[in-house]
N, C-alpha and C. Protein backbone atom coordinates (compact mmCIF):
# COMPACT_ATOMS: atom_id res chain seq x y z
N UNK A 1 9.79 -37.62 -14.52
CA UNK A 1 8.29 -37.06 -14.23
C UNK A 1 8.35 -36.40 -12.98
N UNK A 2 9.06 -36.69 -12.00
CA UNK A 2 9.19 -35.89 -10.47
C UNK A 2 9.73 -34.71 -11.21
N UNK A 3 10.66 -34.40 -11.84
CA UNK A 3 10.93 -33.16 -12.05
C UNK A 3 9.76 -32.16 -12.43
N UNK A 4 9.40 -32.57 -13.58
CA UNK A 4 8.36 -32.06 -14.18
C UNK A 4 6.86 -31.66 -13.24
N UNK A 5 6.58 -32.99 -12.21
CA UNK A 5 5.69 -32.22 -11.59
C UNK A 5 6.29 -31.55 -10.59
N UNK A 6 7.50 -31.44 -9.69
CA UNK A 6 8.26 -30.79 -8.91
C UNK A 6 8.43 -29.04 -9.85
N UNK A 7 8.62 -29.02 -10.60
CA UNK A 7 8.37 -27.48 -11.63
C UNK A 7 7.37 -27.02 -11.89
N UNK A 8 6.50 -27.92 -12.06
CA UNK A 8 5.21 -27.44 -12.01
C UNK A 8 4.23 -26.85 -11.20
N UNK A 9 5.03 -27.34 -9.75
CA UNK A 9 4.12 -27.05 -8.11
C UNK A 9 5.15 -26.07 -7.85
N UNK A 10 6.50 -25.44 -7.97
CA UNK A 10 7.08 -24.19 -7.96
C UNK A 10 6.50 -23.39 -8.66
N UNK A 11 6.11 -23.51 -10.13
CA UNK A 11 5.34 -22.20 -10.94
C UNK A 11 4.09 -22.07 -10.07
N UNK A 12 3.29 -23.05 -9.82
CA UNK A 12 2.19 -22.50 -9.54
C UNK A 12 1.93 -21.74 -8.11
N UNK A 13 3.06 -22.33 -6.92
CA UNK A 13 3.34 -21.44 -5.99
C UNK A 13 3.72 -20.03 -6.31
N UNK A 14 4.70 -19.72 -6.97
CA UNK A 14 5.08 -18.25 -7.30
C UNK A 14 3.58 -17.50 -8.32
N UNK A 15 3.04 -18.21 -9.00
CA UNK A 15 1.55 -17.71 -9.12
C UNK A 15 0.87 -16.91 -7.99
N UNK A 16 0.52 -18.40 -7.20
CA UNK A 16 -0.40 -17.97 -6.21
C UNK A 16 -0.02 -16.72 -5.37
N UNK A 17 1.67 -16.70 -5.68
CA UNK A 17 1.82 -15.34 -4.39
C UNK A 17 1.65 -14.40 -5.24
N UNK A 18 1.49 -14.20 -6.92
CA UNK A 18 1.36 -13.18 -7.52
C UNK A 18 -0.13 -12.62 -6.90
N UNK A 19 -1.05 -13.89 -7.31
CA UNK A 19 -2.40 -13.77 -7.29
C UNK A 19 -2.79 -12.96 -5.76
N UNK A 20 -2.28 -13.31 -4.99
CA UNK A 20 -2.56 -13.16 -3.25
C UNK A 20 -1.90 -11.27 -2.93
N UNK A 21 -0.93 -11.23 -3.78
CA UNK A 21 -0.46 -9.68 -3.47
C UNK A 21 -1.72 -8.53 -4.40
N UNK A 22 -1.57 -7.30 -3.86
CA UNK A 22 -2.66 -6.31 -4.49
C UNK A 22 -1.52 -4.90 -4.17
N UNK A 23 -1.68 -4.01 -5.21
CA UNK A 23 -1.63 -2.77 -4.84
C UNK A 23 -2.72 -1.71 -5.03
N UNK A 24 -2.74 -1.01 -3.83
CA UNK A 24 -3.97 -0.04 -3.53
C UNK A 24 -3.46 1.47 -3.88
N UNK A 25 -4.06 1.89 -4.69
CA UNK A 25 -3.27 3.61 -4.98
C UNK A 25 -4.32 4.30 -4.59
N UNK A 26 -4.29 5.51 -3.82
CA UNK A 26 -4.84 6.49 -3.15
C UNK A 26 -4.43 7.62 -2.14
N UNK A 27 -4.89 8.14 -1.42
CA UNK A 27 -4.99 9.03 -0.82
C UNK A 27 -4.83 8.61 0.61
N UNK A 28 -3.28 8.46 1.27
CA UNK A 28 -3.54 7.94 2.74
C UNK A 28 -4.07 9.07 3.69
N UNK A 29 -5.03 8.94 4.29
CA UNK A 29 -5.68 10.07 5.35
C UNK A 29 -4.99 9.58 7.07
N UNK A 30 -4.92 8.38 7.37
CA UNK A 30 -4.58 7.86 8.53
C UNK A 30 -3.44 6.79 9.04
N UNK A 31 -2.56 6.79 9.57
CA UNK A 31 -1.71 5.33 10.23
C UNK A 31 -1.89 5.76 11.62
N UNK A 32 -2.42 4.54 11.82
CA UNK A 32 -2.25 4.37 13.51
C UNK A 32 -1.71 2.66 13.72
N UNK A 33 -1.47 2.33 14.84
CA UNK A 33 -0.67 1.35 15.33
C UNK A 33 -1.09 0.22 14.57
N UNK A 34 -2.06 -0.50 14.10
CA UNK A 34 -2.61 -1.80 13.56
C UNK A 34 -3.40 -1.76 12.19
N UNK A 35 -3.56 -0.24 11.47
CA UNK A 35 -4.11 -0.16 10.56
C UNK A 35 -3.94 1.29 10.00
N UNK A 36 -4.09 1.19 8.49
CA UNK A 36 -4.21 2.92 7.85
C UNK A 36 -5.50 2.96 7.32
N UNK A 37 -5.62 3.97 6.78
CA UNK A 37 -7.12 4.47 6.00
C UNK A 37 -6.56 5.15 4.72
N UNK A 38 -6.99 4.39 4.04
CA UNK A 38 -6.45 4.50 2.28
C UNK A 38 -7.95 5.22 1.55
N UNK A 39 -7.93 6.12 1.03
CA UNK A 39 -9.22 6.66 0.32
C UNK A 39 -8.76 6.43 -0.75
N UNK A 40 -9.67 5.40 -1.91
CA UNK A 40 -9.27 5.28 -3.21
C UNK A 40 -10.09 5.84 -4.00
N UNK A 41 -9.41 6.56 -4.89
CA UNK A 41 -10.13 7.01 -5.93
C UNK A 41 -11.03 6.18 -7.09
N UNK A 42 -12.47 6.46 -7.32
CA UNK A 42 -12.98 5.12 -7.95
C UNK A 42 -13.25 6.18 -9.52
N UNK A 43 -13.18 5.88 -10.53
CA UNK A 43 -13.45 6.81 -12.39
C UNK A 43 -14.36 7.26 -11.39
N UNK A 44 -15.30 7.26 -11.51
CA UNK A 44 -16.55 8.31 -10.81
C UNK A 44 -16.16 9.08 -9.77
N UNK A 45 -15.34 10.27 -9.61
CA UNK A 45 -15.18 11.10 -8.58
C UNK A 45 -16.15 10.68 -7.84
N UNK A 46 -17.50 10.82 -7.43
CA UNK A 46 -18.27 10.92 -6.59
C UNK A 46 -18.58 9.58 -5.72
N UNK A 47 -17.55 8.61 -6.03
CA UNK A 47 -17.86 7.29 -5.42
C UNK A 47 -16.39 6.49 -4.71
N UNK A 48 -15.48 7.90 -4.69
CA UNK A 48 -14.63 7.33 -3.78
C UNK A 48 -14.72 6.80 -2.50
N UNK A 49 -14.21 5.81 -2.06
CA UNK A 49 -14.29 5.13 -1.02
C UNK A 49 -13.28 4.83 0.01
N UNK A 50 -13.48 4.90 1.50
CA UNK A 50 -12.39 4.66 2.40
C UNK A 50 -11.90 3.12 2.31
N UNK A 51 -10.65 2.86 2.49
CA UNK A 51 -10.60 1.16 2.79
C UNK A 51 -9.63 1.30 4.24
N UNK A 52 -9.53 0.57 4.94
CA UNK A 52 -8.97 0.50 6.04
C UNK A 52 -8.45 -1.03 5.84
N UNK A 53 -7.03 -0.70 5.94
CA UNK A 53 -6.01 -2.19 5.60
C UNK A 53 -4.63 -2.52 7.21
N UNK A 54 -5.24 -3.62 7.43
CA UNK A 54 -4.38 -3.85 8.86
C UNK A 54 -2.75 -3.68 8.39
N UNK A 55 -2.11 -3.30 9.30
CA UNK A 55 -0.55 -3.47 9.61
C UNK A 55 -0.16 -3.95 10.36
N UNK A 56 1.11 -4.61 10.73
CA UNK A 56 1.85 -5.20 11.78
C UNK A 56 3.57 -4.64 11.41
N UNK A 57 3.89 -5.31 12.37
CA UNK A 57 5.53 -4.99 12.72
C UNK A 57 6.38 -5.42 11.38
N UNK A 58 5.93 -5.83 10.62
CA UNK A 58 6.84 -5.97 9.72
C UNK A 58 6.60 -4.88 8.45
N UNK A 59 5.59 -4.13 8.54
CA UNK A 59 4.86 -3.20 7.20
C UNK A 59 6.34 -2.05 7.57
N UNK A 60 6.53 -1.81 5.97
CA UNK A 60 7.48 -0.80 5.77
C UNK A 60 7.09 0.21 5.44
N UNK A 61 7.42 1.84 5.64
CA UNK A 61 6.53 2.76 4.98
C UNK A 61 8.11 3.64 4.39
N UNK A 62 7.79 4.09 3.56
CA UNK A 62 8.78 4.73 2.72
C UNK A 62 8.19 6.07 2.03
N UNK A 63 9.15 7.24 2.46
CA UNK A 63 8.79 8.62 1.88
C UNK A 63 10.17 8.97 0.31
N UNK A 64 9.34 8.54 -0.72
CA UNK A 64 10.41 8.44 -1.52
C UNK A 64 11.21 7.37 -1.29
N UNK A 65 12.31 7.37 -1.76
CA UNK A 65 13.08 6.00 -1.58
C UNK A 65 13.56 5.88 -0.03
N UNK A 66 13.83 6.94 0.88
CA UNK A 66 13.96 6.68 2.35
C UNK A 66 13.01 6.25 3.07
N UNK A 67 13.39 5.12 3.83
CA UNK A 67 12.14 4.67 4.95
C UNK A 67 11.79 5.89 5.94
N UNK A 68 10.54 5.53 6.57
CA UNK A 68 10.48 6.89 7.17
C UNK A 68 8.92 6.35 8.64
N UNK A 69 9.51 7.04 9.50
CA UNK A 69 8.65 6.77 10.57
C UNK A 69 6.65 6.92 10.64
N UNK A 70 6.04 6.18 11.30
CA UNK A 70 4.46 6.44 11.46
C UNK A 70 4.49 7.80 11.91
N UNK A 71 5.18 8.23 12.83
CA UNK A 71 4.98 9.57 13.31
C UNK A 71 5.45 10.91 12.43
N UNK A 72 6.21 10.25 11.75
CA UNK A 72 6.88 11.71 10.73
C UNK A 72 5.74 11.62 9.31
N UNK A 73 5.13 10.41 9.21
CA UNK A 73 4.08 10.06 7.92
C UNK A 73 3.27 10.46 8.55
N UNK A 74 2.55 10.85 9.95
CA UNK A 74 1.31 11.04 9.95
C UNK A 74 1.56 12.98 10.38
N UNK A 75 2.74 13.03 10.40
CA UNK A 75 2.92 14.83 10.51
C UNK A 75 2.94 15.23 9.27
N UNK A 76 3.19 14.61 8.08
CA UNK A 76 2.93 14.87 6.67
C UNK A 76 1.56 14.91 6.33
N UNK A 77 0.95 13.80 6.98
CA UNK A 77 -0.68 13.56 6.45
C UNK A 77 -1.29 15.11 7.06
N UNK A 78 -0.77 15.46 8.60
CA UNK A 78 -1.43 16.76 9.03
C UNK A 78 -1.45 17.95 8.18
N UNK A 79 -0.07 17.97 7.26
CA UNK A 79 0.26 19.03 6.53
C UNK A 79 -0.41 18.60 5.31
N UNK A 80 -1.11 18.22 5.20
CA UNK A 80 -1.57 17.62 3.35
C UNK A 80 -2.93 18.42 3.04
N UNK A 81 -3.40 19.20 4.33
CA UNK A 81 -4.46 20.06 4.43
C UNK A 81 -5.57 19.43 3.83
N UNK A 82 -5.88 18.44 4.45
CA UNK A 82 -7.04 17.29 4.67
C UNK A 82 -7.10 16.39 3.30
N UNK A 83 -6.36 16.30 2.43
CA UNK A 83 -6.62 15.78 1.36
C UNK A 83 -5.94 14.71 1.48
N UNK A 84 -4.93 14.35 2.00
CA UNK A 84 -3.87 12.95 2.26
C UNK A 84 -2.73 13.44 1.48
N UNK A 85 -2.36 11.82 1.75
CA UNK A 85 -0.98 11.80 0.62
C UNK A 85 -1.22 10.99 -0.33
N UNK A 86 -0.55 10.89 -1.45
CA UNK A 86 -0.80 10.18 -2.28
C UNK A 86 0.14 8.82 -2.27
N UNK A 87 -0.52 7.85 -2.52
CA UNK A 87 0.42 6.75 -1.53
C UNK A 87 0.31 5.36 -2.07
N UNK A 88 1.15 4.44 -2.20
CA UNK A 88 0.73 3.14 -3.01
C UNK A 88 0.86 2.37 -1.79
N UNK A 89 -0.08 1.16 -1.84
CA UNK A 89 0.10 0.53 -0.37
C UNK A 89 0.54 -1.03 -1.21
N UNK A 90 1.22 -1.82 -0.82
CA UNK A 90 1.29 -3.28 -1.32
C UNK A 90 0.97 -3.97 -0.02
N UNK A 91 0.06 -4.99 -0.62
CA UNK A 91 -0.58 -5.70 0.46
C UNK A 91 -0.22 -7.30 0.12
N UNK A 92 -0.52 -7.92 0.94
CA UNK A 92 -0.45 -9.56 1.06
C UNK A 92 -1.83 -10.05 1.55
N UNK A 93 -1.99 -11.35 0.96
CA UNK A 93 -3.32 -12.01 1.65
C UNK A 93 -4.85 -11.05 1.01
N UNK A 94 -6.06 -11.77 1.30
CA UNK A 94 -7.13 -11.05 0.99
C UNK A 94 -8.15 -11.16 1.88
N UNK A 95 -9.13 -9.81 1.43
CA UNK A 95 -10.26 -10.06 2.56
C UNK A 95 -9.96 -9.56 4.09
N UNK A 96 -10.07 -10.34 4.97
CA UNK A 96 -10.28 -9.77 6.36
C UNK A 96 -8.09 -9.99 6.45
N UNK A 97 -8.16 -10.98 5.94
CA UNK A 97 -6.83 -11.36 6.24
C UNK A 97 -5.35 -10.76 5.42
N UNK A 98 -6.11 -9.46 4.70
CA UNK A 98 -5.12 -8.59 4.08
C UNK A 98 -4.25 -7.59 4.95
N UNK A 99 -3.18 -7.89 4.79
CA UNK A 99 -1.74 -7.08 5.29
C UNK A 99 -1.11 -6.12 4.71
N UNK A 100 -0.89 -4.74 4.90
CA UNK A 100 -0.14 -4.07 4.01
C UNK A 100 1.36 -4.27 4.37
N UNK A 101 2.43 -4.68 3.58
CA UNK A 101 3.52 -5.18 3.45
C UNK A 101 4.74 -3.80 3.19
N UNK A 102 3.97 -2.88 2.26
CA UNK A 102 4.93 -2.01 2.09
C UNK A 102 4.26 -0.50 1.89
N UNK A 103 4.57 0.95 2.24
CA UNK A 103 3.55 1.82 2.32
C UNK A 103 4.62 2.68 1.75
N UNK A 104 4.13 3.44 0.28
CA UNK A 104 5.11 4.31 -0.43
C UNK A 104 4.42 5.36 -0.71
N UNK A 105 4.55 6.80 0.06
CA UNK A 105 3.83 8.05 -0.34
C UNK A 105 4.96 8.37 -0.86
N UNK A 106 4.27 9.59 -1.94
CA UNK A 106 5.15 10.74 -2.05
C UNK A 106 4.40 11.76 -3.09
N UNK A 107 4.76 12.54 -3.86
CA UNK A 107 4.00 13.39 -4.72
C UNK A 107 4.44 13.51 -6.19
N UNK A 108 4.16 14.15 -6.89
CA UNK A 108 4.48 14.87 -8.20
C UNK A 108 5.75 15.67 -8.24
N UNK A 109 6.76 15.78 -8.83
CA UNK A 109 7.59 16.79 -8.69
C UNK A 109 7.05 18.01 -9.04
N UNK A 110 7.70 19.13 -8.27
CA UNK A 110 7.04 20.48 -8.70
C UNK A 110 7.85 21.09 -9.87
N UNK A 111 7.01 21.68 -10.85
CA UNK A 111 7.69 22.62 -12.02
C UNK A 111 9.07 23.01 -11.91
N UNK A 112 9.00 23.63 -10.85
CA UNK A 112 10.47 24.39 -10.21
C UNK A 112 11.45 23.49 -9.88
N UNK A 113 10.95 22.29 -9.76
CA UNK A 113 12.11 20.98 -9.45
C UNK A 113 12.92 20.35 -10.65
N UNK A 114 12.54 20.81 -12.13
CA UNK A 114 12.71 19.84 -13.10
C UNK A 114 14.32 20.53 -13.54
């Protein structure tokens, strides 16, 4: 009986971890020391909204497959002509305690690169 209970408990903890983790996709507008701003596209193009997500020392930033510094990331954002960089932001927690764990930026490959 103890094995069944402990197995169910482990399964519940794993499921709760998946529920608390979330992905946000959109255009990265800025990265600061403790937060980033992401514009999330809605299905209706007129209703896009800016979302601020906390960052901390454990947040990892990637440009493609390689790690990238926040300074380099901000340079790329400045060069994006105001639109921002296409990004995937993985978070843990929810609401006010939501913190970014991983930020991946990138874009589509150019047709010449194929």
